[in-house]
Structures are given as structure tokens and as C-alpha cells.
Amino acid sequence: MIVRILGEGQFSVPDQHRSELEGLDSTLLEAIEAGDEAAFAVALGAAVAEVRRVGTAVPDDEFSTSDLVLPFVDASLSETRELLAGGTAADGDL
């Protein structure tokens, strides 16, 4: 599974972590839909930390289609909504 953290790069994450990351992504999307900035910040931090913990950075000269895209680490809820509205996220995921 390839995960992109906007502004940081791509990470190769073993498939055994897919369900956990998809759960974190769902929590992140719920916070966005609820307009809960605090929950959004916590969910984004947890998702990014997990990708960094279990993933391996993909070299900059390699590019693969991302299975999951997360916003910039310090993105606000409103910035993330703008990214989603602009179609930046792959398949509607962050």
C-alpha cells in the first residue's frame, strides 16, 4: 500500500496495516464532516504518525499511484476541505 503525505512524500506501508490506516482515514473524514477542528487535528496526527511508524519512505525518484492521501501535517480543517473540494485527494480519500 502506498500512502502519500502531502508536502512530505510517499511511504510504502505493508498490507497488514491497511485496515488500521483505513480506520484512521475514516476517523479523519468523520472529523471533517463534523467540522470538529480538535478531532481533525488529533486524527491527522495519529494517521501521519502511524504511516511514519510502519511505512518506509519511497525514494523521490520513484513514483507510484497512492492508495491513500493524507493532508499536509499542519493542515487546518478548512484547508483540507478546500483540498477535497479541488479534487486533490485520490478517490475522495485523504
Protein backbone atom coordinates (compact mmCIF):
# COMPACT_ATOMS: atom_id res chain seq x y z
CA MET A 1 0.00 0.00 0.00
CA ILE A 2 1.34 3.44 -0.95
CA VAL A 3 0.41 6.40 1.23
CA ARG A 4 1.19 9.99 0.31
CA ILE A 5 1.54 12.67 2.96
CA LEU A 6 1.15 15.93 1.05
CA GLY A 7 4.30 18.02 1.23
CA GLU A 8 6.32 15.12 2.59
CA GLY A 9 6.26 12.28 0.09
CA GLN A 10 5.15 8.70 -0.34
CA PHE A 11 5.51 5.79 2.03
CA SER A 12 5.27 2.08 1.33
CA VAL A 13 3.14 0.56 4.06
CA PRO A 14 2.85 -3.23 4.46
CA ASP A 15 -0.64 -4.50 3.59
CA GLN A 16 -1.05 -5.88 7.11
CA HIS A 17 -1.56 -2.26 8.27
CA ARG A 18 -4.20 -1.41 5.66
CA SER A 19 -7.26 -1.87 7.87
CA GLU A 20 -5.76 0.23 10.66
CA LEU A 21 -4.91 3.06 8.27
CA GLU A 22 -8.33 2.89 6.64
CA GLY A 23 -9.86 3.19 10.12
CA LEU A 24 -7.73 6.25 10.86
CA ASP A 25 -8.75 7.71 7.50
CA SER A 26 -12.43 7.16 8.34
CA THR A 27 -11.98 8.91 11.68
CA LEU A 28 -10.30 11.79 9.88
CA LEU A 29 -13.16 12.07 7.38
CA GLU A 30 -15.74 11.98 10.20
CA ALA A 31 -13.98 14.89 11.91
CA ILE A 32 -14.02 16.84 8.64
CA GLU A 33 -17.71 16.15 8.10
CA ALA A 34 -18.50 17.16 11.69
CA GLY A 35 -16.42 20.34 11.37
CA ASP A 36 -14.53 19.37 14.54
CA GLU A 37 -11.12 21.06 14.31
CA ALA A 38 -9.79 19.45 17.51
CA ALA A 39 -10.82 15.92 16.47
CA PHE A 40 -9.42 16.60 12.99
CA ALA A 41 -6.01 17.60 14.39
CA VAL A 42 -5.87 14.51 16.61
CA ALA A 43 -6.94 12.17 13.78
CA LEU A 44 -4.49 13.69 11.30
CA GLY A 45 -1.65 13.45 13.80
CA ALA A 46 -2.48 9.82 14.52
CA ALA A 47 -2.68 8.89 10.83
CA VAL A 48 0.58 10.61 9.93
CA ALA A 49 2.37 9.12 12.94
CA GLU A 50 1.18 5.62 12.02
CA VAL A 51 2.30 5.97 8.40
CA ARG A 52 5.72 7.16 9.53
CA ARG A 53 5.95 4.36 12.12
CA VAL A 54 5.05 1.40 9.89
CA GLY A 55 5.96 2.77 6.46
CA THR A 56 9.16 3.10 4.52
CA ALA A 57 9.83 6.28 2.56
CA VAL A 58 9.63 5.82 -1.19
CA PRO A 59 12.67 7.37 -2.91
CA ASP A 60 11.95 10.75 -4.53
CA ASP A 61 12.91 9.43 -7.97
CA GLU A 62 10.20 6.73 -7.79
CA PHE A 63 6.52 7.43 -8.19
CA SER A 64 3.61 5.10 -7.63
CA THR A 65 -0.10 5.76 -7.54
CA SER A 66 -1.12 6.45 -3.95
CA ASP A 67 -3.73 4.24 -2.33
CA LEU A 68 -4.31 6.82 0.40
CA VAL A 69 -3.51 10.53 0.52
CA LEU A 70 -3.21 12.46 3.78
CA PRO A 71 -3.21 16.26 4.02
CA PHE A 72 -0.19 18.34 4.95
CA VAL A 73 0.85 17.53 8.51
CA ASP A 74 -0.07 21.01 9.73
CA ALA A 75 -3.16 21.45 7.54
CA SER A 76 -6.21 23.03 9.10
CA LEU A 77 -9.69 21.67 8.72
CA SER A 78 -10.64 24.47 6.31
CA GLU A 79 -7.51 23.91 4.18
CA THR A 80 -8.32 20.22 3.98
CA ARG A 81 -11.89 20.94 2.94
CA GLU A 82 -10.52 23.16 0.15
CA LEU A 83 -8.20 20.35 -0.98
CA LEU A 84 -11.10 17.92 -1.08
CA ALA A 85 -13.29 20.38 -2.99
CA GLY A 86 -10.50 20.90 -5.51
CA GLY A 87 -10.18 17.19 -6.15
CA THR A 88 -6.63 16.89 -4.78
CA ALA A 89 -7.31 13.77 -2.75
CA ALA A 90 -7.32 10.45 -4.58
CA ASP A 91 -10.71 8.76 -4.81
CA GLY A 92 -12.13 11.10 -2.18
CA ASP A 93 -9.77 9.78 0.48
CA LEU A 94 -7.35 11.90 2.32
